[in-house]
Amino acid sequence: MCELLEIPPYVMHHGGLVGDPVALLDEAAGLADQIEVPIEDLSWRLALGDALRMAAADVRKVRDAGDL
């Protein structure tokens, strides 16, 4: 997320992903909704939240398909 938004991370993270990818994407979408932007930039913030939610939904679909 930090790379996409060109925001330097608070701390560097080394290692693998810790946590459920769907939960992390949902959390990121919620955080994207909270980013304060000028009204003229609102559309990209909404698009970012939607993209993260769609990515979480896609991960769920793939995961569910593997459970069949």
PDB file of N, CA and C in Angstrom:
ATOM      1  N   MET A   1       0.820  -1.189   0.000  1.00  0.00           N
ATOM      2  CA  MET A   1       0.000   0.000   0.000  1.00  0.00           C
ATOM      3  C   MET A   1       0.857   1.243   0.000  1.00  0.00           C
ATOM      4  N   CYS A   2       1.883   1.230   0.833  1.00  0.00           N
ATOM      5  CA  CYS A   2       2.745   2.407   0.915  1.00  0.00           C
ATOM      6  C   CYS A   2       3.390   2.717  -0.431  1.00  0.00           C
ATOM      7  N   GLU A   3       3.817   1.668  -1.139  1.00  0.00           N
ATOM      8  CA  GLU A   3       4.438   1.880  -2.447  1.00  0.00           C
ATOM      9  C   GLU A   3       3.441   2.460  -3.435  1.00  0.00           C
ATOM     10  N   LEU A   4       2.215   1.940  -3.439  1.00  0.00           N
ATOM     11  CA  LEU A   4       1.202   2.439  -4.367  1.00  0.00           C
ATOM     12  C   LEU A   4       0.877   3.902  -4.121  1.00  0.00           C
ATOM     13  N   LEU A   5       0.838   4.285  -2.855  1.00  0.00           N
ATOM     14  CA  LEU A   5       0.488   5.654  -2.494  1.00  0.00           C
ATOM     15  C   LEU A   5       1.695   6.572  -2.392  1.00  0.00           C
ATOM     16  N   GLU A   6       2.891   5.985  -2.609  1.00  0.00           N
ATOM     17  CA  GLU A   6       4.142   6.727  -2.505  1.00  0.00           C
ATOM     18  C   GLU A   6       4.289   7.381  -1.134  1.00  0.00           C
ATOM     19  N   ILE A   7       3.931   6.595  -0.104  1.00  0.00           N
ATOM     20  CA  ILE A   7       4.050   7.028   1.284  1.00  0.00           C
ATOM     21  C   ILE A   7       5.144   6.184   1.915  1.00  0.00           C
ATOM     22  N   PRO A   8       6.158   6.812   2.515  1.00  0.00           N
ATOM     23  CA  PRO A   8       7.203   5.998   3.152  1.00  0.00           C
ATOM     24  C   PRO A   8       6.619   5.234   4.338  1.00  0.00           C
ATOM     25  N   PRO A   9       6.980   3.967   4.493  1.00  0.00           N
ATOM     26  CA  PRO A   9       6.455   3.192   5.637  1.00  0.00           C
ATOM     27  C   PRO A   9       7.057   3.698   6.938  1.00  0.00           C
ATOM     28  N   TYR A  10       6.324   3.509   8.021  1.00  0.00           N
ATOM     29  CA  TYR A  10       6.827   3.915   9.337  1.00  0.00           C
ATOM     30  C   TYR A  10       8.009   3.051   9.743  1.00  0.00           C
ATOM     31  N   VAL A  11       7.924   1.769   9.474  1.00  0.00           N
ATOM     32  CA  VAL A  11       9.011   0.836   9.785  1.00  0.00           C
ATOM     33  C   VAL A  11       9.154  -0.114   8.603  1.00  0.00           C
ATOM     34  N   MET A  12      10.356  -0.561   8.384  1.00  0.00           N
ATOM     35  CA  MET A  12      10.597  -1.523   7.319  1.00  0.00           C
ATOM     36  C   MET A  12      10.149  -2.898   7.784  1.00  0.00           C
ATOM     37  N   HIS A  13       9.563  -3.651   6.888  1.00  0.00           N
ATOM     38  CA  HIS A  13       9.100  -4.994   7.209  1.00  0.00           C
ATOM     39  C   HIS A  13       9.925  -5.984   6.404  1.00  0.00           C
ATOM     40  N   HIS A  14      10.517  -6.921   7.081  1.00  0.00           N
ATOM     41  CA  HIS A  14      11.292  -7.960   6.422  1.00  0.00           C
ATOM     42  C   HIS A  14      10.657  -9.297   6.761  1.00  0.00           C
ATOM     43  N   GLY A  15      10.593 -10.165   5.789  1.00  0.00           N
ATOM     44  CA  GLY A  15      10.039 -11.482   6.042  1.00  0.00           C
ATOM     45  C   GLY A  15       8.769 -11.702   5.258  1.00  0.00           C
ATOM     46  N   GLY A  16       8.105 -12.790   5.583  1.00  0.00           N
ATOM     47  CA  GLY A  16       6.897 -13.164   4.868  1.00  0.00           C
ATOM     48  C   GLY A  16       5.653 -12.479   5.412  1.00  0.00           C
ATOM     49  N   LEU A  17       4.575 -12.708   4.711  1.00  0.00           N
ATOM     50  CA  LEU A  17       3.281 -12.158   5.084  1.00  0.00           C
ATOM     51  C   LEU A  17       2.792 -12.840   6.354  1.00  0.00           C
ATOM     52  N   VAL A  18       2.368 -12.038   7.311  1.00  0.00           N
ATOM     53  CA  VAL A  18       1.838 -12.571   8.557  1.00  0.00           C
ATOM     54  C   VAL A  18       0.358 -12.201   8.615  1.00  0.00           C
ATOM     55  N   GLY A  19      -0.502 -13.208   8.639  1.00  0.00           N
ATOM     56  CA  GLY A  19      -1.934 -12.956   8.721  1.00  0.00           C
ATOM     57  C   GLY A  19      -2.656 -13.443   7.488  1.00  0.00           C
ATOM     58  N   ASP A  20      -3.955 -13.428   7.582  1.00  0.00           N
ATOM     59  CA  ASP A  20      -4.818 -13.859   6.490  1.00  0.00           C
ATOM     60  C   ASP A  20      -4.866 -12.775   5.415  1.00  0.00           C
ATOM     61  N   PRO A  21      -4.534 -13.119   4.163  1.00  0.00           N
ATOM     62  CA  PRO A  21      -4.532 -12.105   3.102  1.00  0.00           C
ATOM     63  C   PRO A  21      -5.875 -11.387   2.938  1.00  0.00           C
ATOM     64  N   VAL A  22      -6.984 -12.122   3.074  1.00  0.00           N
ATOM     65  CA  VAL A  22      -8.300 -11.496   2.935  1.00  0.00           C
ATOM     66  C   VAL A  22      -8.518 -10.470   4.040  1.00  0.00           C
ATOM     67  N   ALA A  23      -8.180 -10.834   5.257  1.00  0.00           N
ATOM     68  CA  ALA A  23      -8.346  -9.902   6.375  1.00  0.00           C
ATOM     69  C   ALA A  23      -7.445  -8.681   6.199  1.00  0.00           C
ATOM     70  N   LEU A  24      -6.236  -8.906   5.719  1.00  0.00           N
ATOM     71  CA  LEU A  24      -5.317  -7.780   5.500  1.00  0.00           C
ATOM     72  C   LEU A  24      -5.830  -6.850   4.407  1.00  0.00           C
ATOM     73  N   LEU A  25      -6.374  -7.421   3.329  1.00  0.00           N
ATOM     74  CA  LEU A  25      -6.931  -6.584   2.261  1.00  0.00           C
ATOM     75  C   LEU A  25      -8.164  -5.822   2.746  1.00  0.00           C
ATOM     76  N   ASP A  26      -9.015  -6.486   3.525  1.00  0.00           N
ATOM     77  CA  ASP A  26     -10.185  -5.800   4.092  1.00  0.00           C
ATOM     78  C   ASP A  26      -9.761  -4.668   5.023  1.00  0.00           C
ATOM     79  N   GLU A  27      -8.741  -4.927   5.829  1.00  0.00           N
ATOM     80  CA  GLU A  27      -8.233  -3.891   6.724  1.00  0.00           C
ATOM     81  C   GLU A  27      -7.657  -2.719   5.924  1.00  0.00           C
ATOM     82  N   ALA A  28      -6.920  -3.036   4.874  1.00  0.00           N
ATOM     83  CA  ALA A  28      -6.346  -1.981   4.034  1.00  0.00           C
ATOM     84  C   ALA A  28      -7.445  -1.153   3.371  1.00  0.00           C
ATOM     85  N   ALA A  29      -8.525  -1.809   2.946  1.00  0.00           N
ATOM     86  CA  ALA A  29      -9.648  -1.079   2.335  1.00  0.00           C
ATOM     87  C   ALA A  29     -10.270  -0.125   3.343  1.00  0.00           C
ATOM     88  N   GLY A  30     -10.435  -0.590   4.573  1.00  0.00           N
ATOM     89  CA  GLY A  30     -10.977   0.280   5.609  1.00  0.00           C
ATOM     90  C   GLY A  30     -10.076   1.469   5.882  1.00  0.00           C
ATOM     91  N   LEU A  31      -8.773   1.218   5.884  1.00  0.00           N
ATOM     92  CA  LEU A  31      -7.825   2.314   6.101  1.00  0.00           C
ATOM     93  C   LEU A  31      -7.814   3.283   4.923  1.00  0.00           C
ATOM     94  N   ALA A  32      -7.956   2.753   3.707  1.00  0.00           N
ATOM     95  CA  ALA A  32      -8.011   3.623   2.528  1.00  0.00           C
ATOM     96  C   ALA A  32      -9.219   4.549   2.609  1.00  0.00           C
ATOM     97  N   ASP A  33     -10.333   4.044   3.152  1.00  0.00           N
ATOM     98  CA  ASP A  33     -11.533   4.867   3.299  1.00  0.00           C
ATOM     99  C   ASP A  33     -11.313   6.029   4.259  1.00  0.00           C
ATOM    100  N   GLN A  34     -10.340   5.898   5.133  1.00  0.00           N
ATOM    101  CA  GLN A  34     -10.092   6.926   6.144  1.00  0.00           C
ATOM    102  C   GLN A  34      -9.058   7.965   5.718  1.00  0.00           C
ATOM    103  N   ILE A  35      -8.413   7.752   4.569  1.00  0.00           N
ATOM    104  CA  ILE A  35      -7.423   8.717   4.101  1.00  0.00           C
ATOM    105  C   ILE A  35      -8.123  10.034   3.790  1.00  0.00           C
ATOM    106  N   GLU A  36      -7.640  11.089   4.391  1.00  0.00           N
ATOM    107  CA  GLU A  36      -8.234  12.401   4.139  1.00  0.00           C
ATOM    108  C   GLU A  36      -7.577  13.017   2.907  1.00  0.00           C
ATOM    109  N   VAL A  37      -8.408  13.301   1.919  1.00  0.00           N
ATOM    110  CA  VAL A  37      -7.920  13.891   0.669  1.00  0.00           C
ATOM    111  C   VAL A  37      -8.826  15.057   0.303  1.00  0.00           C
ATOM    112  N   PRO A  38      -8.310  15.979  -0.498  1.00  0.00           N
ATOM    113  CA  PRO A  38      -9.161  17.054  -1.007  1.00  0.00           C
ATOM    114  C   PRO A  38     -10.278  16.456  -1.872  1.00  0.00           C
ATOM    115  N   ILE A  39     -11.371  17.143  -1.965  1.00  0.00           N
ATOM    116  CA  ILE A  39     -12.534  16.651  -2.695  1.00  0.00           C
ATOM    117  C   ILE A  39     -12.196  16.279  -4.146  1.00  0.00           C
ATOM    118  N   GLU A  40     -11.252  16.994  -4.746  1.00  0.00           N
ATOM    119  CA  GLU A  40     -10.901  16.690  -6.133  1.00  0.00           C
ATOM    120  C   GLU A  40     -10.131  15.363  -6.262  1.00  0.00           C
ATOM    121  N   ASP A  41      -9.604  14.867  -5.165  1.00  0.00           N
ATOM    122  CA  ASP A  41      -8.892  13.585  -5.173  1.00  0.00           C
ATOM    123  C   ASP A  41      -9.719  12.437  -4.603  1.00  0.00           C
ATOM    124  N   LEU A  42     -10.955  12.699  -4.301  1.00  0.00           N
ATOM    125  CA  LEU A  42     -11.806  11.696  -3.672  1.00  0.00           C
ATOM    126  C   LEU A  42     -12.000  10.463  -4.556  1.00  0.00           C
ATOM    127  N   SER A  43     -12.065  10.653  -5.853  1.00  0.00           N
ATOM    128  CA  SER A  43     -12.335   9.518  -6.744  1.00  0.00           C
ATOM    129  C   SER A  43     -11.231   8.466  -6.675  1.00  0.00           C
ATOM    130  N   TRP A  44      -9.961   8.859  -6.593  1.00  0.00           N
ATOM    131  CA  TRP A  44      -8.904   7.845  -6.522  1.00  0.00           C
ATOM    132  C   TRP A  44      -8.926   7.132  -5.184  1.00  0.00           C
ATOM    133  N   ARG A  45      -9.293   7.838  -4.104  1.00  0.00           N
ATOM    134  CA  ARG A  45      -9.378   7.184  -2.808  1.00  0.00           C
ATOM    135  C   ARG A  45     -10.502   6.148  -2.791  1.00  0.00           C
ATOM    136  N   LEU A  46     -11.642   6.495  -3.380  1.00  0.00           N
ATOM    137  CA  LEU A  46     -12.748   5.543  -3.475  1.00  0.00           C
ATOM    138  C   LEU A  46     -12.370   4.355  -4.363  1.00  0.00           C
ATOM    139  N   ALA A  47     -11.670   4.633  -5.461  1.00  0.00           N
ATOM    140  CA  ALA A  47     -11.243   3.561  -6.362  1.00  0.00           C
ATOM    141  C   ALA A  47     -10.252   2.633  -5.666  1.00  0.00           C
ATOM    142  N   LEU A  48      -9.382   3.183  -4.848  1.00  0.00           N
ATOM    143  CA  LEU A  48      -8.416   2.368  -4.107  1.00  0.00           C
ATOM    144  C   LEU A  48      -9.144   1.426  -3.157  1.00  0.00           C
ATOM    145  N   GLY A  49     -10.095   1.937  -2.396  1.00  0.00           N
ATOM    146  CA  GLY A  49     -10.870   1.104  -1.484  1.00  0.00           C
ATOM    147  C   GLY A  49     -11.618   0.008  -2.229  1.00  0.00           C
ATOM    148  N   ASP A  50     -12.228   0.365  -3.360  1.00  0.00           N
ATOM    149  CA  ASP A  50     -12.950  -0.628  -4.170  1.00  0.00           C
ATOM    150  C   ASP A  50     -12.009  -1.699  -4.709  1.00  0.00           C
ATOM    151  N   ALA A  51     -10.835  -1.288  -5.170  1.00  0.00           N
ATOM    152  CA  ALA A  51      -9.871  -2.252  -5.715  1.00  0.00           C
ATOM    153  C   ALA A  51      -9.410  -3.229  -4.635  1.00  0.00           C
ATOM    154  N   LEU A  52      -9.178  -2.730  -3.434  1.00  0.00           N
ATOM    155  CA  LEU A  52      -8.760  -3.603  -2.339  1.00  0.00           C
ATOM    156  C   LEU A  52      -9.870  -4.574  -1.956  1.00  0.00           C
ATOM    157  N   ARG A  53     -11.114  -4.100  -1.960  1.00  0.00           N
ATOM    158  CA  ARG A  53     -12.241  -4.988  -1.648  1.00  0.00           C
ATOM    159  C   ARG A  53     -12.422  -6.048  -2.733  1.00  0.00           C
ATOM    160  N   MET A  54     -12.236  -5.656  -3.984  1.00  0.00           N
ATOM    161  CA  MET A  54     -12.341  -6.633  -5.081  1.00  0.00           C
ATOM    162  C   MET A  54     -11.227  -7.663  -4.999  1.00  0.00           C
ATOM    163  N   ALA A  55     -10.032  -7.229  -4.622  1.00  0.00           N
ATOM    164  CA  ALA A  55      -8.924  -8.177  -4.469  1.00  0.00           C
ATOM    165  C   ALA A  55      -9.236  -9.175  -3.353  1.00  0.00           C
ATOM    166  N   ALA A  56      -9.801  -8.693  -2.256  1.00  0.00           N
ATOM    167  CA  ALA A  56     -10.177  -9.590  -1.159  1.00  0.00           C
ATOM    168  C   ALA A  56     -11.246 -10.571  -1.622  1.00  0.00           C
ATOM    169  N   ALA A  57     -12.214 -10.100  -2.392  1.00  0.00           N
ATOM    170  CA  ALA A  57     -13.265 -10.981  -2.906  1.00  0.00           C
ATOM    171  C   ALA A  57     -12.685 -12.034  -3.840  1.00  0.00           C
ATOM    172  N   ASP A  58     -11.728 -11.643  -4.669  1.00  0.00           N
ATOM    173  CA  ASP A  58     -11.082 -12.602  -5.574  1.00  0.00           C
ATOM    174  C   ASP A  58     -10.325 -13.673  -4.805  1.00  0.00           C
ATOM    175  N   VAL A  59      -9.625 -13.275  -3.751  1.00  0.00           N
ATOM    176  CA  VAL A  59      -8.901 -14.246  -2.929  1.00  0.00           C
ATOM    177  C   VAL A  59      -9.885 -15.215  -2.289  1.00  0.00           C
ATOM    178  N   ARG A  60     -11.023 -14.682  -1.816  1.00  0.00           N
ATOM    179  CA  ARG A  60     -12.058 -15.549  -1.225  1.00  0.00           C
ATOM    180  C   ARG A  60     -12.564 -16.560  -2.251  1.00  0.00           C
ATOM    181  N   LYS A  61     -12.829 -16.100  -3.471  1.00  0.00           N
ATOM    182  CA  LYS A  61     -13.335 -16.992  -4.522  1.00  0.00           C
ATOM    183  C   LYS A  61     -12.346 -18.111  -4.826  1.00  0.00           C
ATOM    184  N   VAL A  62     -11.092 -17.756  -4.946  1.00  0.00           N
ATOM    185  CA  VAL A  62     -10.067 -18.769  -5.232  1.00  0.00           C
ATOM    186  C   VAL A  62      -9.961 -19.738  -4.069  1.00  0.00           C
ATOM    187  N   ARG A  63      -9.988 -19.207  -2.876  1.00  0.00           N
ATOM    188  CA  ARG A  63      -9.900 -20.059  -1.686  1.00  0.00           C
ATOM    189  C   ARG A  63     -11.105 -20.992  -1.607  1.00  0.00           C
ATOM    190  N   ASP A  64     -12.293 -20.462  -1.853  1.00  0.00           N
ATOM    191  CA  ASP A  64     -13.523 -21.280  -1.813  1.00  0.00           C
ATOM    192  C   ASP A  64     -13.528 -22.338  -2.905  1.00  0.00           C
ATOM    193  N   ALA A  65     -13.011 -21.988  -4.086  1.00  0.00           N
ATOM    194  CA  ALA A  65     -12.963 -22.937  -5.192  1.00  0.00           C
ATOM    195  C   ALA A  65     -12.013 -24.099  -4.854  1.00  0.00           C
ATOM    196  N   GLY A  66     -10.971 -23.809  -4.121  1.00  0.00           N
ATOM    197  CA  GLY A  66     -10.030 -24.850  -3.720  1.00  0.00           C
ATOM    198  C   GLY A  66     -10.624 -25.784  -2.672  1.00  0.00           C
ATOM    199  N   ASP A  67     -11.649 -25.319  -1.948  1.00  0.00           N
ATOM    200  CA  ASP A  67     -12.289 -26.130  -0.918  1.00  0.00           C
ATOM    201  C   ASP A  67     -13.319 -27.087  -1.472  1.00  0.00           C
ATOM    202  N   LEU A  68     -13.681 -26.940  -2.747  1.00  0.00           N
ATOM    203  CA  LEU A  68     -14.717 -27.805  -3.333  1.00  0.00           C
ATOM    204  C   LEU A  68     -14.226 -29.182  -3.553  1.00  0.00           C
TER     205      LEU A  68
END
